[in-house]
N, C-alpha and C. Protein backbone atom coordinates (compact mmCIF):
# COMPACT_ATOMS: atom_id res chain seq x y z
N MET A 1 67.83 -42.59 -93.07
CA MET A 1 67.87 -43.56 -94.15
C MET A 1 67.51 -42.82 -95.44
N THR A 2 68.32 -43.00 -96.45
CA THR A 2 68.05 -42.34 -97.73
C THR A 2 67.01 -43.13 -98.50
N SER A 3 66.39 -42.46 -99.48
CA SER A 3 65.35 -43.13 -100.27
C SER A 3 65.92 -44.30 -101.07
N SER A 4 67.18 -44.21 -101.50
CA SER A 4 67.76 -45.33 -102.25
C SER A 4 67.97 -46.55 -101.35
N MET A 5 68.35 -46.33 -100.09
CA MET A 5 68.50 -47.44 -99.15
C MET A 5 67.14 -48.06 -98.85
N PHE A 6 66.12 -47.20 -98.72
CA PHE A 6 64.78 -47.68 -98.45
C PHE A 6 64.27 -48.54 -99.60
N SER A 7 64.52 -48.11 -100.84
CA SER A 7 64.05 -48.89 -101.98
C SER A 7 64.78 -50.22 -102.08
N VAL A 8 66.06 -50.25 -101.73
CA VAL A 8 66.79 -51.51 -101.73
C VAL A 8 66.23 -52.44 -100.67
N ASP A 9 65.93 -51.91 -99.48
CA ASP A 9 65.37 -52.73 -98.41
C ASP A 9 64.00 -53.28 -98.81
N ILE A 10 63.16 -52.47 -99.43
CA ILE A 10 61.85 -52.92 -99.89
C ILE A 10 62.01 -54.02 -100.93
N ARG A 11 62.95 -53.85 -101.85
CA ARG A 11 63.18 -54.86 -102.88
C ARG A 11 63.61 -56.19 -102.24
N LYS A 12 64.52 -56.13 -101.26
CA LYS A 12 64.96 -57.35 -100.58
C LYS A 12 63.79 -58.02 -99.87
N TRP A 13 62.97 -57.21 -99.18
CA TRP A 13 61.81 -57.75 -98.47
C TRP A 13 60.84 -58.39 -99.45
N THR A 14 60.57 -57.71 -100.57
CA THR A 14 59.65 -58.23 -101.57
C THR A 14 60.15 -59.55 -102.14
N GLU A 15 61.43 -59.62 -102.46
CA GLU A 15 62.00 -60.86 -103.00
C GLU A 15 61.92 -61.98 -101.96
N GLY A 16 62.20 -61.66 -100.69
CA GLY A 16 62.11 -62.66 -99.63
C GLY A 16 60.69 -63.13 -99.42
N ALA A 17 59.74 -62.19 -99.46
CA ALA A 17 58.33 -62.54 -99.28
C ALA A 17 57.84 -63.42 -100.42
N LYS A 18 58.26 -63.10 -101.66
CA LYS A 18 57.85 -63.90 -102.82
C LYS A 18 58.37 -65.32 -102.69
N ASP A 19 59.61 -65.46 -102.23
CA ASP A 19 60.16 -66.80 -102.04
C ASP A 19 59.35 -67.58 -101.01
N LYS A 20 58.91 -66.90 -99.94
CA LYS A 20 58.11 -67.57 -98.92
C LYS A 20 56.75 -67.97 -99.46
N VAL A 21 56.15 -67.12 -100.29
CA VAL A 21 54.86 -67.45 -100.90
C VAL A 21 55.02 -68.67 -101.79
N ASP A 22 56.08 -68.71 -102.59
CA ASP A 22 56.32 -69.86 -103.46
C ASP A 22 56.45 -71.15 -102.64
N VAL A 23 57.15 -71.07 -101.51
CA VAL A 23 57.34 -72.25 -100.67
C VAL A 23 56.00 -72.73 -100.12
N VAL A 24 55.18 -71.81 -99.63
CA VAL A 24 53.88 -72.20 -99.09
C VAL A 24 53.00 -72.81 -100.18
N ILE A 25 53.00 -72.20 -101.35
CA ILE A 25 52.20 -72.72 -102.47
C ILE A 25 52.65 -74.13 -102.83
N ARG A 26 53.95 -74.34 -102.88
CA ARG A 26 54.47 -75.68 -103.19
C ARG A 26 54.06 -76.70 -102.13
N LYS A 27 54.20 -76.32 -100.86
CA LYS A 27 53.85 -77.24 -99.77
C LYS A 27 52.36 -77.58 -99.78
N VAL A 28 51.52 -76.57 -99.99
CA VAL A 28 50.08 -76.81 -100.01
C VAL A 28 49.71 -77.71 -101.19
N ALA A 29 50.25 -77.42 -102.37
CA ALA A 29 49.95 -78.26 -103.55
C ALA A 29 50.40 -79.70 -103.31
N LEU A 30 51.60 -79.88 -102.80
CA LEU A 30 52.11 -81.23 -102.55
C LEU A 30 51.25 -81.96 -101.52
N GLU A 31 50.88 -81.28 -100.46
CA GLU A 31 50.07 -81.92 -99.42
C GLU A 31 48.69 -82.29 -99.96
N MET A 32 48.05 -81.37 -100.68
CA MET A 32 46.72 -81.64 -101.22
C MET A 32 46.76 -82.80 -102.22
N PHE A 33 47.72 -82.76 -103.14
CA PHE A 33 47.81 -83.81 -104.15
C PHE A 33 48.16 -85.15 -103.51
N SER A 34 49.04 -85.15 -102.50
CA SER A 34 49.39 -86.39 -101.81
C SER A 34 48.18 -86.99 -101.13
N ARG A 35 47.35 -86.14 -100.54
CA ARG A 35 46.14 -86.62 -99.87
C ARG A 35 45.18 -87.27 -100.87
N VAL A 36 45.04 -86.67 -102.04
CA VAL A 36 44.17 -87.26 -103.07
C VAL A 36 44.70 -88.65 -103.44
N ILE A 37 45.98 -88.74 -103.68
CA ILE A 37 46.60 -90.00 -104.08
C ILE A 37 46.44 -91.04 -102.97
N GLN A 38 46.70 -90.65 -101.73
CA GLN A 38 46.60 -91.59 -100.61
C GLN A 38 45.17 -92.05 -100.38
N LYS A 39 44.19 -91.22 -100.68
CA LYS A 39 42.79 -91.60 -100.50
C LYS A 39 42.27 -92.47 -101.65
N SER A 40 43.04 -92.58 -102.71
CA SER A 40 42.60 -93.32 -103.89
C SER A 40 42.48 -94.81 -103.60
N PRO A 41 41.39 -95.42 -104.06
CA PRO A 41 41.22 -96.86 -103.83
C PRO A 41 42.26 -97.67 -104.59
N VAL A 42 42.55 -98.84 -104.05
CA VAL A 42 43.59 -99.69 -104.63
C VAL A 42 43.04 -101.08 -104.94
N ASP A 43 43.22 -101.46 -106.17
CA ASP A 43 42.99 -102.84 -106.59
C ASP A 43 44.33 -103.31 -107.14
N THR A 44 44.61 -102.92 -108.36
CA THR A 44 45.91 -103.27 -108.98
C THR A 44 46.96 -102.19 -108.75
N GLY A 45 46.53 -100.98 -108.38
CA GLY A 45 47.43 -99.86 -108.23
C GLY A 45 47.46 -98.98 -109.46
N ARG A 46 46.75 -99.39 -110.51
CA ARG A 46 46.75 -98.61 -111.75
C ARG A 46 46.12 -97.24 -111.55
N PHE A 47 45.06 -97.18 -110.76
CA PHE A 47 44.40 -95.89 -110.54
C PHE A 47 45.33 -94.93 -109.82
N LYS A 48 45.95 -95.37 -108.75
CA LYS A 48 46.90 -94.50 -108.03
C LYS A 48 48.04 -94.06 -108.95
N GLY A 49 48.51 -94.97 -109.75
CA GLY A 49 49.62 -94.68 -110.65
C GLY A 49 49.27 -93.74 -111.78
N ASN A 50 47.98 -93.52 -112.01
CA ASN A 50 47.57 -92.66 -113.12
C ASN A 50 47.27 -91.22 -112.71
N TRP A 51 47.55 -90.86 -111.48
CA TRP A 51 47.46 -89.44 -111.14
C TRP A 51 48.66 -88.77 -111.79
N GLN A 52 48.38 -87.80 -112.64
CA GLN A 52 49.42 -87.09 -113.38
C GLN A 52 49.38 -85.61 -113.00
N VAL A 53 50.55 -85.01 -112.96
CA VAL A 53 50.67 -83.61 -112.56
C VAL A 53 51.43 -82.83 -113.62
N ALA A 54 51.02 -81.58 -113.81
CA ALA A 54 51.74 -80.70 -114.74
C ALA A 54 51.44 -79.25 -114.38
N ILE A 55 52.38 -78.41 -114.70
CA ILE A 55 52.22 -76.97 -114.49
C ILE A 55 51.89 -76.33 -115.83
N GLY A 56 50.79 -75.58 -115.87
CA GLY A 56 50.45 -74.81 -117.05
C GLY A 56 49.63 -75.51 -118.11
N SER A 57 49.55 -76.83 -118.05
CA SER A 57 48.74 -77.55 -119.04
C SER A 57 48.20 -78.82 -118.41
N VAL A 58 47.04 -79.24 -118.86
CA VAL A 58 46.40 -80.43 -118.32
C VAL A 58 47.00 -81.67 -118.99
N PRO A 59 47.54 -82.60 -118.20
CA PRO A 59 48.08 -83.82 -118.79
C PRO A 59 46.98 -84.61 -119.50
N SER A 60 47.37 -85.25 -120.59
CA SER A 60 46.41 -86.07 -121.34
C SER A 60 46.89 -87.52 -121.35
N GLY A 61 45.98 -88.40 -121.72
CA GLY A 61 46.34 -89.81 -121.81
C GLY A 61 46.46 -90.48 -120.46
N THR A 62 46.85 -91.72 -120.48
CA THR A 62 47.05 -92.50 -119.27
C THR A 62 48.47 -93.05 -119.26
N VAL A 63 48.88 -93.56 -118.12
CA VAL A 63 50.21 -94.15 -118.00
C VAL A 63 50.08 -95.60 -117.55
N GLU A 64 51.05 -96.39 -117.88
CA GLU A 64 51.04 -97.82 -117.55
C GLU A 64 51.87 -98.05 -116.30
N ILE A 65 51.38 -97.56 -115.18
CA ILE A 65 52.09 -97.70 -113.92
C ILE A 65 51.12 -98.26 -112.88
N ASP A 66 51.53 -99.31 -112.20
CA ASP A 66 50.79 -99.82 -111.05
C ASP A 66 51.55 -99.37 -109.81
N ASP A 67 50.91 -98.56 -108.98
CA ASP A 67 51.56 -97.98 -107.81
C ASP A 67 50.63 -98.13 -106.61
N LYS A 68 50.57 -99.34 -106.06
CA LYS A 68 49.63 -99.63 -104.97
C LYS A 68 49.85 -98.73 -103.76
N GLU A 69 51.08 -98.42 -103.45
CA GLU A 69 51.38 -97.59 -102.28
C GLU A 69 51.26 -96.09 -102.59
N GLY A 70 51.40 -95.73 -103.86
CA GLY A 70 51.33 -94.33 -104.25
C GLY A 70 52.65 -93.59 -104.13
N THR A 71 53.70 -94.28 -103.73
CA THR A 71 54.98 -93.60 -103.49
C THR A 71 55.63 -93.06 -104.77
N ALA A 72 55.58 -93.83 -105.83
CA ALA A 72 56.16 -93.36 -107.09
C ALA A 72 55.38 -92.17 -107.63
N THR A 73 54.07 -92.22 -107.49
CA THR A 73 53.23 -91.14 -107.97
C THR A 73 53.46 -89.88 -107.15
N ILE A 74 53.54 -90.02 -105.84
CA ILE A 74 53.81 -88.86 -104.98
C ILE A 74 55.20 -88.31 -105.26
N ALA A 75 56.15 -89.15 -105.60
CA ALA A 75 57.49 -88.67 -105.96
C ALA A 75 57.44 -87.80 -107.21
N LYS A 76 56.62 -88.18 -108.19
CA LYS A 76 56.46 -87.36 -109.40
C LYS A 76 55.80 -86.03 -109.07
N VAL A 77 54.81 -86.08 -108.19
CA VAL A 77 54.12 -84.85 -107.77
C VAL A 77 55.12 -83.94 -107.04
N THR A 78 55.94 -84.52 -106.20
CA THR A 78 56.95 -83.75 -105.47
C THR A 78 57.89 -83.04 -106.43
N ALA A 79 58.38 -83.76 -107.42
CA ALA A 79 59.30 -83.17 -108.40
C ALA A 79 58.63 -82.02 -109.14
N ALA A 80 57.38 -82.18 -109.52
CA ALA A 80 56.67 -81.13 -110.26
C ALA A 80 56.41 -79.91 -109.38
N THR A 81 56.02 -80.13 -108.14
CA THR A 81 55.69 -78.99 -107.27
C THR A 81 56.92 -78.17 -106.92
N LEU A 82 58.09 -78.76 -106.98
CA LEU A 82 59.32 -78.00 -106.71
C LEU A 82 59.53 -76.89 -107.74
N GLU A 83 58.91 -77.02 -108.90
CA GLU A 83 59.03 -76.02 -109.97
C GLU A 83 57.94 -74.96 -109.91
N LEU A 84 56.94 -75.16 -109.06
CA LEU A 84 55.77 -74.28 -109.01
C LEU A 84 56.11 -72.92 -108.42
N LYS A 85 55.58 -71.87 -109.06
CA LYS A 85 55.77 -70.51 -108.58
C LYS A 85 54.41 -69.84 -108.47
N ALA A 86 54.33 -68.84 -107.62
CA ALA A 86 53.08 -68.09 -107.43
C ALA A 86 52.59 -67.59 -108.79
N GLY A 87 51.30 -67.72 -109.01
CA GLY A 87 50.69 -67.27 -110.26
C GLY A 87 50.55 -68.36 -111.31
N GLN A 88 51.24 -69.46 -111.13
CA GLN A 88 51.13 -70.56 -112.07
C GLN A 88 49.97 -71.48 -111.67
N THR A 89 49.47 -72.23 -112.64
CA THR A 89 48.42 -73.21 -112.38
C THR A 89 49.03 -74.60 -112.47
N ILE A 90 48.76 -75.39 -111.45
CA ILE A 90 49.23 -76.77 -111.43
C ILE A 90 48.01 -77.68 -111.45
N TYR A 91 48.10 -78.73 -112.23
CA TYR A 91 46.98 -79.66 -112.42
C TYR A 91 47.34 -81.04 -111.90
N LEU A 92 46.36 -81.68 -111.28
CA LEU A 92 46.45 -83.09 -110.93
C LEU A 92 45.24 -83.74 -111.58
N VAL A 93 45.47 -84.68 -112.47
CA VAL A 93 44.37 -85.33 -113.19
C VAL A 93 44.58 -86.84 -113.22
N ASN A 94 43.47 -87.52 -113.35
CA ASN A 94 43.50 -88.96 -113.57
C ASN A 94 42.59 -89.21 -114.76
N ASN A 95 43.17 -89.60 -115.87
CA ASN A 95 42.43 -89.74 -117.13
C ASN A 95 41.92 -91.15 -117.40
N LEU A 96 41.99 -92.03 -116.41
CA LEU A 96 41.42 -93.36 -116.63
C LEU A 96 39.91 -93.23 -116.81
N PRO A 97 39.33 -94.04 -117.69
CA PRO A 97 37.91 -93.90 -117.99
C PRO A 97 36.99 -94.07 -116.78
N TYR A 98 37.45 -94.75 -115.76
CA TYR A 98 36.60 -95.00 -114.59
C TYR A 98 36.90 -94.04 -113.42
N ALA A 99 37.75 -93.06 -113.63
CA ALA A 99 38.12 -92.13 -112.55
C ALA A 99 36.91 -91.37 -112.00
N ASN A 100 36.06 -90.90 -112.87
CA ASN A 100 34.89 -90.14 -112.44
C ASN A 100 33.95 -91.02 -111.59
N ARG A 101 33.79 -92.26 -112.00
CA ARG A 101 32.94 -93.18 -111.23
C ARG A 101 33.52 -93.42 -109.84
N LEU A 102 34.84 -93.56 -109.76
CA LEU A 102 35.46 -93.76 -108.45
C LEU A 102 35.28 -92.53 -107.56
N GLU A 103 35.39 -91.36 -108.16
CA GLU A 103 35.21 -90.12 -107.38
C GLU A 103 33.79 -90.02 -106.83
N TYR A 104 32.83 -90.56 -107.54
CA TYR A 104 31.44 -90.41 -107.13
C TYR A 104 30.81 -91.70 -106.60
N GLY A 105 31.61 -92.48 -105.83
CA GLY A 105 31.04 -93.54 -105.03
C GLY A 105 31.07 -94.95 -105.56
N HIS A 106 31.75 -95.19 -106.67
CA HIS A 106 31.77 -96.54 -107.25
C HIS A 106 32.64 -97.51 -106.45
N SER A 107 33.50 -96.98 -105.59
CA SER A 107 34.41 -97.83 -104.82
C SER A 107 34.01 -97.88 -103.36
N LYS A 108 33.97 -99.08 -102.80
CA LYS A 108 33.70 -99.22 -101.36
C LYS A 108 34.88 -98.70 -100.54
N GLN A 109 36.08 -98.70 -101.13
CA GLN A 109 37.26 -98.19 -100.43
C GLN A 109 37.23 -96.67 -100.31
N ALA A 110 36.58 -96.01 -101.25
CA ALA A 110 36.51 -94.55 -101.25
C ALA A 110 35.10 -94.11 -101.64
N PRO A 111 34.11 -94.46 -100.82
CA PRO A 111 32.72 -94.19 -101.21
C PRO A 111 32.39 -92.70 -101.35
N ASN A 112 33.17 -91.86 -100.70
CA ASN A 112 32.93 -90.41 -100.78
C ASN A 112 33.94 -89.70 -101.68
N GLY A 113 34.65 -90.47 -102.48
CA GLY A 113 35.61 -89.90 -103.40
C GLY A 113 36.94 -89.59 -102.75
N MET A 114 37.79 -88.95 -103.51
CA MET A 114 39.12 -88.56 -103.04
C MET A 114 39.29 -87.05 -103.15
N VAL A 115 38.98 -86.54 -104.32
CA VAL A 115 39.19 -85.12 -104.60
C VAL A 115 38.24 -84.27 -103.75
N ARG A 116 36.98 -84.63 -103.72
CA ARG A 116 36.00 -83.84 -102.96
C ARG A 116 36.33 -83.82 -101.48
N LEU A 117 36.76 -84.95 -100.93
CA LEU A 117 37.13 -84.99 -99.51
C LEU A 117 38.37 -84.14 -99.24
N THR A 118 39.32 -84.21 -100.14
CA THR A 118 40.54 -83.44 -99.95
C THR A 118 40.27 -81.94 -100.07
N LEU A 119 39.40 -81.56 -100.97
CA LEU A 119 39.05 -80.13 -101.09
C LEU A 119 38.46 -79.60 -99.80
N LEU A 120 37.72 -80.42 -99.08
CA LEU A 120 37.16 -80.00 -97.80
C LEU A 120 38.25 -79.72 -96.76
N GLU A 121 39.44 -80.27 -96.97
CA GLU A 121 40.56 -80.10 -96.05
C GLU A 121 41.47 -78.93 -96.41
N PHE A 122 41.15 -78.23 -97.50
CA PHE A 122 42.04 -77.18 -98.01
C PHE A 122 42.37 -76.12 -96.97
N ASN A 123 41.37 -75.54 -96.33
CA ASN A 123 41.63 -74.48 -95.36
C ASN A 123 42.49 -74.97 -94.21
N GLN A 124 42.24 -76.19 -93.77
CA GLN A 124 43.04 -76.78 -92.70
C GLN A 124 44.51 -76.90 -93.13
N VAL A 125 44.74 -77.34 -94.35
CA VAL A 125 46.10 -77.50 -94.86
C VAL A 125 46.79 -76.14 -94.95
N VAL A 126 46.11 -75.16 -95.50
CA VAL A 126 46.70 -73.81 -95.63
C VAL A 126 47.01 -73.25 -94.25
N ASP A 127 46.07 -73.37 -93.33
CA ASP A 127 46.29 -72.87 -91.96
C ASP A 127 47.50 -73.54 -91.31
N TRP A 128 47.64 -74.84 -91.56
CA TRP A 128 48.76 -75.58 -90.98
C TRP A 128 50.10 -75.03 -91.48
N PHE A 129 50.20 -74.74 -92.78
CA PHE A 129 51.45 -74.23 -93.32
C PHE A 129 51.67 -72.75 -93.00
N MET A 130 50.60 -72.01 -92.81
CA MET A 130 50.72 -70.59 -92.52
C MET A 130 50.93 -70.34 -91.02
N GLY A 131 50.50 -71.33 -90.20
CA GLY A 131 50.53 -71.19 -88.75
C GLY A 131 51.89 -71.03 -88.22
């Protein structure tokens, strides 16, 4: 095998590996964010509907969406994560004024929060996708 053939093979392997890393990162982000949304308490659905996602910048403001099931919100998260690449930062935020209180026990539906519980599942999620 000549050195030029070897370098081409390494380049192909590197490109293939990077694509696989991107896929795993997307799957992990989508799974983690979906779990947060699904664990969110529901009254009117406004809280679930206010989970916002963005790559590279933190979303600001709130949205006027009631999403009791979380399906529309997870669909937005899915669309955003499809664009995610290794090395980028993706944010999931809820800017409603009572979001912090809900995370820290204000809701009987989610007395232990959503984000903190989901973070405890991170290694399990990564292992599942890497397995």
